[in-house]
Amino acid sequence: MARVRYFASAAEAAGTDEEQLDGASVGEVLAAAERAHGDRLAEVLTRCSVLHEGRYVDDHGALVQASDTIDVLPPFAGG
């Protein structure tokens, strides 16, 4: 199971800061998150950046190992 960490509004929508989810790819893990937490998280995810093992990913087909960490980062205000 991959470790998923949620920040700011993503954590609020998920109702947790962190959880373990199954999936063979980043996309499968995020789909599991949507199934677990519903439409509110799904809507927030459309605006989020995703890091896999500390690196930005836009290819949600990237393979995930059980020990990997996925960070879900919504846009932050400020500069």
Protein backbone atom coordinates (compact mmCIF):
# COMPACT_ATOMS: atom_id res chain seq x y z
CA MET A 1 0.00 0.00 0.00
CA ALA A 2 1.26 3.45 -0.89
CA ARG A 3 1.37 6.20 1.71
CA VAL A 4 -0.76 9.16 0.62
CA ARG A 5 -0.29 12.51 2.35
CA TYR A 6 -2.89 15.24 1.90
CA PHE A 7 -2.24 18.94 2.52
CA ALA A 8 -4.49 21.96 3.16
CA SER A 9 -7.88 21.69 1.38
CA ALA A 10 -7.07 18.16 0.17
CA ALA A 11 -6.68 17.03 3.80
CA GLU A 12 -9.93 18.75 4.69
CA ALA A 13 -11.77 17.04 1.81
CA ALA A 14 -10.30 13.64 2.65
CA GLY A 15 -10.91 14.06 6.37
CA THR A 16 -7.36 12.93 7.09
CA ASP A 17 -3.78 14.07 6.63
CA GLU A 18 -2.46 10.65 5.67
CA GLU A 19 -3.55 7.14 4.77
CA GLN A 20 -2.44 3.94 3.06
CA LEU A 21 -4.08 3.05 -0.26
CA ASP A 22 -3.66 0.28 -2.82
CA GLY A 23 -2.81 0.89 -6.44
CA ALA A 24 -0.22 -0.13 -9.00
CA SER A 25 0.06 3.41 -10.42
CA VAL A 26 -0.35 6.98 -9.22
CA GLY A 27 -3.70 7.11 -11.03
CA GLU A 28 -4.94 3.93 -9.37
CA VAL A 29 -3.98 5.25 -5.94
CA LEU A 30 -5.76 8.55 -6.60
CA ALA A 31 -8.82 6.66 -7.87
CA ALA A 32 -8.83 4.67 -4.62
CA ALA A 33 -8.72 7.97 -2.72
CA GLU A 34 -11.71 9.26 -4.70
CA ARG A 35 -13.67 6.06 -4.00
CA ALA A 36 -12.84 6.30 -0.30
CA HIS A 37 -13.68 9.99 0.12
CA GLY A 38 -16.20 10.85 -2.58
CA ASP A 39 -17.01 13.81 -4.77
CA ARG A 40 -15.58 16.49 -2.50
CA LEU A 41 -12.06 15.05 -2.72
CA ALA A 42 -12.49 14.26 -6.43
CA GLU A 43 -13.25 17.95 -7.09
CA VAL A 44 -10.26 19.13 -5.05
CA LEU A 45 -7.96 16.68 -6.86
CA THR A 46 -8.68 18.41 -10.17
CA ARG A 47 -6.72 21.43 -8.87
CA CYS A 48 -3.93 19.59 -7.06
CA SER A 49 -0.32 18.93 -7.90
CA VAL A 50 0.84 15.40 -7.19
CA LEU A 51 4.29 14.40 -6.02
CA HIS A 52 5.49 10.82 -6.20
CA GLU A 53 8.51 10.15 -4.03
CA GLY A 54 9.11 13.92 -3.81
CA ARG A 55 8.95 14.59 -7.56
CA TYR A 56 6.13 16.28 -9.46
CA VAL A 57 4.25 13.87 -11.72
CA ASP A 58 1.76 14.63 -14.44
CA ASP A 59 1.80 11.05 -15.74
CA HIS A 60 -0.63 9.25 -13.49
CA GLY A 61 0.45 6.00 -15.13
CA ALA A 62 3.71 6.14 -13.14
CA LEU A 63 4.18 2.86 -11.30
CA VAL A 64 3.94 2.83 -7.51
CA GLN A 65 5.71 0.51 -5.09
CA ALA A 66 4.16 -0.41 -1.75
CA SER A 67 6.71 1.69 0.15
CA ASP A 68 6.20 4.84 -2.00
CA THR A 69 4.76 8.17 -0.85
CA ILE A 70 2.33 10.26 -2.87
CA ASP A 71 1.75 13.86 -1.78
CA VAL A 72 -1.43 15.71 -2.81
CA LEU A 73 -0.82 19.48 -2.84
CA PRO A 74 -3.57 21.96 -3.64
CA PRO A 75 -2.62 25.44 -4.82
CA PHE A 76 -1.30 27.57 -1.99
CA ALA A 77 -1.79 31.33 -1.66
CA GLY A 78 1.13 33.64 -1.24
CA GLY A 79 4.43 33.87 -2.93
